[in-house]
């Protein structure tokens, strides 16, 4: 009985690790698809950029807005929107992450439109 329980725990652990890997791969694929989407659009001025940060203990991304008065969004690692720390009509974002510019760390440029 003990061997069966250990085997079930091992299988369950392996399945959960596989699921995490698949989710991470899907998220990375979404970022690549976003880059391809931006490449297919007219060039932005300034050039489109994707940045990676650590914010509130998680990896997040920012994607530059293509024009004035649009929110500059922060996305989770699967590109689900979290908040907008800046932009919009007021320039102050949506108010859901006013500390982003001071709390986000480890900024790294992921992609910049080379056109």
N, C-alpha and C. Protein backbone atom coordinates (compact mmCIF):
# COMPACT_ATOMS: atom_id res chain seq x y z
N UNK A 1 0.83 -1.19 0.00
CA UNK A 1 0.00 0.00 0.00
C UNK A 1 0.87 1.26 0.00
N UNK A 2 1.94 1.23 0.80
CA UNK A 2 2.83 2.38 0.89
C UNK A 2 3.48 2.66 -0.47
N UNK A 3 3.85 1.61 -1.19
CA UNK A 3 4.47 1.77 -2.50
C UNK A 3 3.49 2.40 -3.49
N UNK A 4 2.23 2.00 -3.40
CA UNK A 4 1.21 2.56 -4.30
C UNK A 4 1.03 4.04 -4.03
N UNK A 5 0.97 4.42 -2.76
CA UNK A 5 0.80 5.83 -2.40
C UNK A 5 2.00 6.64 -2.88
N UNK A 6 3.21 6.12 -2.66
CA UNK A 6 4.41 6.82 -3.12
C UNK A 6 4.41 6.97 -4.64
N UNK A 7 3.98 5.92 -5.34
CA UNK A 7 3.92 5.97 -6.80
C UNK A 7 2.91 7.02 -7.26
N UNK A 8 1.74 7.07 -6.60
CA UNK A 8 0.73 8.07 -6.96
C UNK A 8 1.23 9.49 -6.72
N UNK A 9 1.92 9.69 -5.60
CA UNK A 9 2.48 11.01 -5.31
C UNK A 9 3.52 11.39 -6.37
N UNK A 10 4.37 10.44 -6.74
CA UNK A 10 5.39 10.69 -7.75
C UNK A 10 4.77 11.03 -9.10
N UNK A 11 3.76 10.27 -9.51
CA UNK A 11 3.08 10.52 -10.78
C UNK A 11 2.40 11.88 -10.75
N UNK A 12 1.73 12.19 -9.65
CA UNK A 12 1.06 13.49 -9.52
C UNK A 12 2.05 14.64 -9.59
N UNK A 13 3.20 14.49 -8.95
CA UNK A 13 4.23 15.52 -9.00
C UNK A 13 4.75 15.70 -10.41
N UNK A 14 4.99 14.60 -11.10
CA UNK A 14 5.50 14.68 -12.47
C UNK A 14 4.48 15.34 -13.39
N UNK A 15 3.20 15.02 -13.21
CA UNK A 15 2.16 15.63 -14.03
C UNK A 15 2.07 17.13 -13.77
N UNK A 16 2.18 17.53 -12.52
CA UNK A 16 2.09 18.97 -12.22
C UNK A 16 3.29 19.71 -12.77
N UNK A 17 4.47 19.11 -12.72
CA UNK A 17 5.65 19.75 -13.30
C UNK A 17 5.52 19.86 -14.81
N UNK A 18 4.98 18.85 -15.45
CA UNK A 18 4.76 18.88 -16.89
C UNK A 18 3.77 19.97 -17.24
N UNK A 19 2.71 20.13 -16.46
CA UNK A 19 1.71 21.16 -16.70
C UNK A 19 2.34 22.54 -16.60
N UNK A 20 3.19 22.76 -15.58
CA UNK A 20 3.86 24.05 -15.44
C UNK A 20 4.74 24.32 -16.65
N UNK A 21 5.45 23.33 -17.11
CA UNK A 21 6.31 23.49 -18.28
C UNK A 21 5.49 23.86 -19.49
N UNK A 22 4.36 23.18 -19.69
CA UNK A 22 3.51 23.49 -20.82
C UNK A 22 2.98 24.92 -20.72
N UNK A 23 2.56 25.33 -19.54
CA UNK A 23 2.05 26.68 -19.36
C UNK A 23 3.13 27.71 -19.66
N UNK A 24 4.35 27.45 -19.19
CA UNK A 24 5.45 28.38 -19.43
C UNK A 24 5.73 28.47 -20.93
N UNK A 25 5.71 27.32 -21.61
CA UNK A 25 5.93 27.31 -23.06
C UNK A 25 4.84 28.11 -23.77
N UNK A 26 3.59 27.94 -23.34
CA UNK A 26 2.48 28.67 -23.95
C UNK A 26 2.67 30.17 -23.75
N UNK A 27 3.09 30.56 -22.56
CA UNK A 27 3.30 31.98 -22.28
C UNK A 27 4.43 32.55 -23.14
N UNK A 28 5.52 31.81 -23.26
CA UNK A 28 6.63 32.27 -24.10
C UNK A 28 6.20 32.37 -25.56
N UNK A 29 5.36 31.45 -25.99
CA UNK A 29 4.85 31.49 -27.36
C UNK A 29 3.99 32.73 -27.57
N UNK A 30 3.20 33.11 -26.55
CA UNK A 30 2.37 34.31 -26.67
C UNK A 30 3.22 35.56 -26.84
N UNK A 31 4.36 35.61 -26.17
CA UNK A 31 5.25 36.76 -26.31
C UNK A 31 5.80 36.80 -27.73
N UNK A 32 6.21 35.66 -28.26
CA UNK A 32 6.71 35.61 -29.64
C UNK A 32 5.62 36.01 -30.63
N UNK A 33 4.39 35.57 -30.39
CA UNK A 33 3.28 35.95 -31.26
C UNK A 33 3.03 37.45 -31.20
N UNK A 34 3.17 38.04 -30.01
CA UNK A 34 2.99 39.49 -29.86
C UNK A 34 4.06 40.24 -30.65
N UNK A 35 5.29 39.74 -30.61
CA UNK A 35 6.37 40.36 -31.38
C UNK A 35 6.05 40.30 -32.87
N UNK A 36 5.58 39.15 -33.32
CA UNK A 36 5.21 39.01 -34.74
C UNK A 36 4.06 39.95 -35.10
N UNK A 37 3.11 40.10 -34.18
CA UNK A 37 1.99 41.02 -34.41
C UNK A 37 2.49 42.45 -34.57
N UNK A 38 3.40 42.86 -33.68
CA UNK A 38 3.95 44.22 -33.75
C UNK A 38 4.76 44.43 -35.03
N UNK A 39 5.49 43.40 -35.45
CA UNK A 39 6.26 43.49 -36.71
C UNK A 39 5.34 43.67 -37.92
N UNK A 40 4.14 43.11 -37.84
CA UNK A 40 3.20 43.19 -38.95
C UNK A 40 2.45 44.50 -39.03
N UNK A 41 2.57 45.34 -38.01
CA UNK A 41 1.90 46.64 -37.99
C UNK A 41 2.86 47.72 -38.49
N UNK A 42 2.31 48.87 -38.86
CA UNK A 42 3.20 49.98 -39.23
C UNK A 42 4.13 50.34 -38.07
N UNK A 43 5.30 50.83 -38.40
CA UNK A 43 6.29 51.23 -37.40
C UNK A 43 5.72 52.30 -36.48
N UNK A 44 5.95 52.13 -35.18
CA UNK A 44 5.55 53.13 -34.20
C UNK A 44 6.66 54.16 -34.05
N UNK A 45 6.29 55.35 -33.57
CA UNK A 45 7.27 56.36 -33.26
C UNK A 45 6.96 56.94 -31.89
N UNK A 46 7.74 56.62 -30.87
CA UNK A 46 8.98 55.86 -30.90
C UNK A 46 8.73 54.37 -31.17
N UNK A 47 9.82 53.65 -31.47
CA UNK A 47 9.73 52.24 -31.84
C UNK A 47 9.08 51.41 -30.73
N UNK A 48 8.31 50.41 -31.13
CA UNK A 48 7.66 49.50 -30.18
C UNK A 48 8.73 48.75 -29.38
N UNK A 49 8.45 48.57 -28.09
CA UNK A 49 9.37 47.84 -27.20
C UNK A 49 8.58 46.94 -26.27
N UNK A 50 9.21 45.84 -25.90
CA UNK A 50 8.69 44.95 -24.86
C UNK A 50 9.78 44.84 -23.80
N UNK A 51 9.41 45.16 -22.57
CA UNK A 51 10.32 45.09 -21.43
C UNK A 51 9.83 44.07 -20.44
N UNK A 52 10.75 43.40 -19.79
CA UNK A 52 10.45 42.44 -18.72
C UNK A 52 10.91 43.03 -17.40
N UNK A 53 10.09 42.87 -16.36
CA UNK A 53 10.41 43.34 -15.01
C UNK A 53 10.00 42.29 -13.99
N UNK A 54 10.45 42.49 -12.77
CA UNK A 54 9.91 41.77 -11.63
C UNK A 54 9.07 42.78 -10.86
N UNK A 55 7.82 42.42 -10.61
CA UNK A 55 6.90 43.31 -9.90
C UNK A 55 6.01 42.46 -8.99
N UNK A 56 5.99 42.80 -7.73
CA UNK A 56 5.22 42.07 -6.72
C UNK A 56 5.51 40.58 -6.78
N UNK A 57 6.79 40.25 -6.95
CA UNK A 57 7.22 38.86 -6.92
C UNK A 57 6.96 38.04 -8.17
N UNK A 58 6.51 38.68 -9.22
CA UNK A 58 6.26 37.92 -10.44
C UNK A 58 6.89 38.61 -11.65
N UNK A 59 7.13 37.81 -12.69
CA UNK A 59 7.65 38.35 -13.95
C UNK A 59 6.50 39.01 -14.68
N UNK A 60 6.73 40.25 -15.12
CA UNK A 60 5.72 41.01 -15.85
C UNK A 60 6.37 41.64 -17.08
N UNK A 61 5.53 42.08 -17.99
CA UNK A 61 6.00 42.71 -19.22
C UNK A 61 5.26 44.02 -19.45
N UNK A 62 5.95 44.96 -20.07
CA UNK A 62 5.29 46.16 -20.57
C UNK A 62 5.49 46.18 -22.08
N UNK A 63 4.48 46.66 -22.77
CA UNK A 63 4.53 46.81 -24.22
C UNK A 63 4.17 48.25 -24.51
N UNK A 64 5.05 48.95 -25.19
CA UNK A 64 4.82 50.37 -25.43
C UNK A 64 3.56 50.60 -26.26
N UNK A 65 2.82 51.62 -25.89
CA UNK A 65 1.60 51.99 -26.62
C UNK A 65 2.00 52.62 -27.95
N UNK A 66 1.11 52.51 -28.93
CA UNK A 66 1.47 53.00 -30.26
C UNK A 66 1.09 54.45 -30.50
N UNK A 67 0.45 55.08 -29.54
CA UNK A 67 0.10 56.48 -29.76
C UNK A 67 -0.23 57.15 -28.42
N UNK A 68 -0.50 58.35 -28.54
CA UNK A 68 -0.79 59.23 -27.41
C UNK A 68 -2.09 58.84 -26.69
N UNK A 69 -2.14 59.18 -25.44
CA UNK A 69 -3.32 59.01 -24.59
C UNK A 69 -3.80 57.57 -24.46
N UNK A 70 -2.95 56.60 -24.77
CA UNK A 70 -3.29 55.20 -24.54
C UNK A 70 -2.59 54.72 -23.28
N UNK A 71 -3.20 53.77 -22.60
CA UNK A 71 -2.58 53.20 -21.41
C UNK A 71 -1.30 52.46 -21.78
N UNK A 72 -0.29 52.58 -20.94
CA UNK A 72 0.91 51.77 -21.02
C UNK A 72 0.70 50.61 -20.06
N UNK A 73 0.35 49.46 -20.61
CA UNK A 73 -0.10 48.32 -19.81
C UNK A 73 1.05 47.48 -19.26
N UNK A 74 0.79 46.87 -18.10
CA UNK A 74 1.65 45.85 -17.51
C UNK A 74 0.89 44.54 -17.65
N UNK A 75 1.59 43.51 -18.12
CA UNK A 75 0.99 42.20 -18.36
C UNK A 75 1.71 41.14 -17.53
N UNK A 76 1.00 40.08 -17.15
CA UNK A 76 1.66 38.96 -16.50
C UNK A 76 2.46 38.19 -17.54
N UNK A 77 3.10 37.10 -17.13
CA UNK A 77 3.99 36.41 -18.06
C UNK A 77 3.26 35.71 -19.21
N UNK A 78 1.93 35.62 -19.13
CA UNK A 78 1.14 35.08 -20.25
C UNK A 78 0.41 36.18 -21.01
N UNK A 79 0.84 37.41 -20.78
CA UNK A 79 0.29 38.61 -21.43
C UNK A 79 -1.17 38.89 -21.10
N UNK A 80 -1.58 38.51 -19.89
CA UNK A 80 -2.89 38.92 -19.38
C UNK A 80 -2.68 40.29 -18.73
N UNK A 81 -3.53 41.27 -19.04
CA UNK A 81 -3.33 42.61 -18.47
C UNK A 81 -3.50 42.63 -16.95
N UNK A 82 -2.60 43.36 -16.30
CA UNK A 82 -2.65 43.51 -14.85
C UNK A 82 -3.11 44.92 -14.49
N UNK A 83 -2.44 45.92 -15.07
CA UNK A 83 -2.74 47.31 -14.74
C UNK A 83 -2.06 48.22 -15.75
N UNK A 84 -2.35 49.49 -15.61
CA UNK A 84 -1.70 50.50 -16.46
C UNK A 84 -1.11 51.56 -15.52
N UNK A 85 0.20 51.55 -15.33
CA UNK A 85 0.81 52.52 -14.42
C UNK A 85 0.89 53.94 -14.98
N UNK A 86 0.77 54.06 -16.30
CA UNK A 86 0.85 55.39 -16.91
C UNK A 86 0.04 55.42 -18.19
N UNK A 87 -0.05 56.60 -18.76
CA UNK A 87 -0.80 56.77 -20.00
C UNK A 87 -2.25 57.11 -19.74
N UNK A 88 -3.04 57.09 -20.78
CA UNK A 88 -4.44 57.50 -20.68
C UNK A 88 -4.55 59.01 -20.72
N UNK A 89 -5.75 59.51 -20.63
CA UNK A 89 -5.98 60.96 -20.72
C UNK A 89 -5.26 61.74 -19.63
N UNK A 90 -5.22 61.17 -18.42
CA UNK A 90 -4.57 61.87 -17.30
C UNK A 90 -3.06 61.69 -17.30
N UNK A 91 -2.58 60.67 -18.01
CA UNK A 91 -1.16 60.34 -17.98
C UNK A 91 -0.76 59.52 -16.77
N UNK A 92 -1.72 59.29 -15.87
CA UNK A 92 -1.43 58.58 -14.62
C UNK A 92 -1.93 57.14 -14.62
N UNK A 93 -2.30 56.62 -15.78
CA UNK A 93 -2.73 55.24 -15.87
C UNK A 93 -4.10 55.01 -15.28
N UNK A 94 -4.35 53.75 -14.90
CA UNK A 94 -5.67 53.38 -14.38
C UNK A 94 -5.73 53.38 -12.85
N UNK A 95 -4.63 53.71 -12.19
CA UNK A 95 -4.61 53.81 -10.72
C UNK A 95 -4.47 52.48 -10.00
N UNK A 96 -4.35 51.37 -10.72
CA UNK A 96 -4.27 50.06 -10.07
C UNK A 96 -2.85 49.66 -9.67
N UNK A 97 -1.84 50.35 -10.19
CA UNK A 97 -0.46 50.04 -9.79
C UNK A 97 0.39 51.32 -9.80
N UNK A 98 0.02 52.29 -8.96
CA UNK A 98 0.74 53.57 -8.97
C UNK A 98 2.20 53.45 -8.55
N UNK A 99 2.57 52.32 -7.91
CA UNK A 99 3.94 52.14 -7.45
C UNK A 99 4.82 51.41 -8.47
N UNK A 100 4.30 51.14 -9.66
CA UNK A 100 5.05 50.31 -10.60
C UNK A 100 6.43 50.89 -10.91
N UNK A 101 6.51 52.17 -11.21
CA UNK A 101 7.81 52.75 -11.61
C UNK A 101 8.84 52.68 -10.49
N UNK A 102 8.40 52.72 -9.23
CA UNK A 102 9.35 52.64 -8.12
C UNK A 102 9.54 51.21 -7.61
N UNK A 103 8.56 50.33 -7.81
CA UNK A 103 8.64 48.97 -7.26
C UNK A 103 9.12 47.93 -8.25
N UNK A 104 8.98 48.17 -9.54
CA UNK A 104 9.42 47.21 -10.55
C UNK A 104 10.95 47.19 -10.60
N UNK A 105 11.52 46.00 -10.65
CA UNK A 105 12.97 45.86 -10.66
C UNK A 105 13.40 44.96 -11.82
N UNK A 106 14.70 44.89 -12.01
CA UNK A 106 15.31 43.98 -12.99
C UNK A 106 14.81 44.22 -14.41
N UNK A 107 14.63 45.48 -14.78
CA UNK A 107 14.16 45.80 -16.12
C UNK A 107 15.12 45.29 -17.19
N UNK A 108 14.55 44.60 -18.17
CA UNK A 108 15.36 44.03 -19.25
C UNK A 108 14.60 44.17 -20.56
N UNK A 109 15.25 44.77 -21.54
CA UNK A 109 14.63 44.89 -22.85
C UNK A 109 14.57 43.52 -23.50
N UNK A 110 13.35 43.11 -23.86
CA UNK A 110 13.13 41.82 -24.51
C UNK A 110 13.19 41.98 -26.03
N UNK A 111 12.57 43.06 -26.53
CA UNK A 111 12.52 43.28 -27.97
C UNK A 111 12.28 44.75 -28.25
N UNK A 112 12.93 45.25 -29.29
CA UNK A 112 12.68 46.60 -29.80
C UNK A 112 12.55 46.49 -31.30
N UNK A 113 11.56 47.14 -31.87
CA UNK A 113 11.35 47.12 -33.31
C UNK A 113 12.57 47.75 -33.99
N UNK A 114 13.29 47.00 -34.82
CA UNK A 114 14.51 47.53 -35.42
C UNK A 114 14.27 48.41 -36.66
N UNK A 115 13.03 48.53 -37.06
CA UNK A 115 12.77 49.31 -38.30
C UNK A 115 12.99 50.80 -38.10
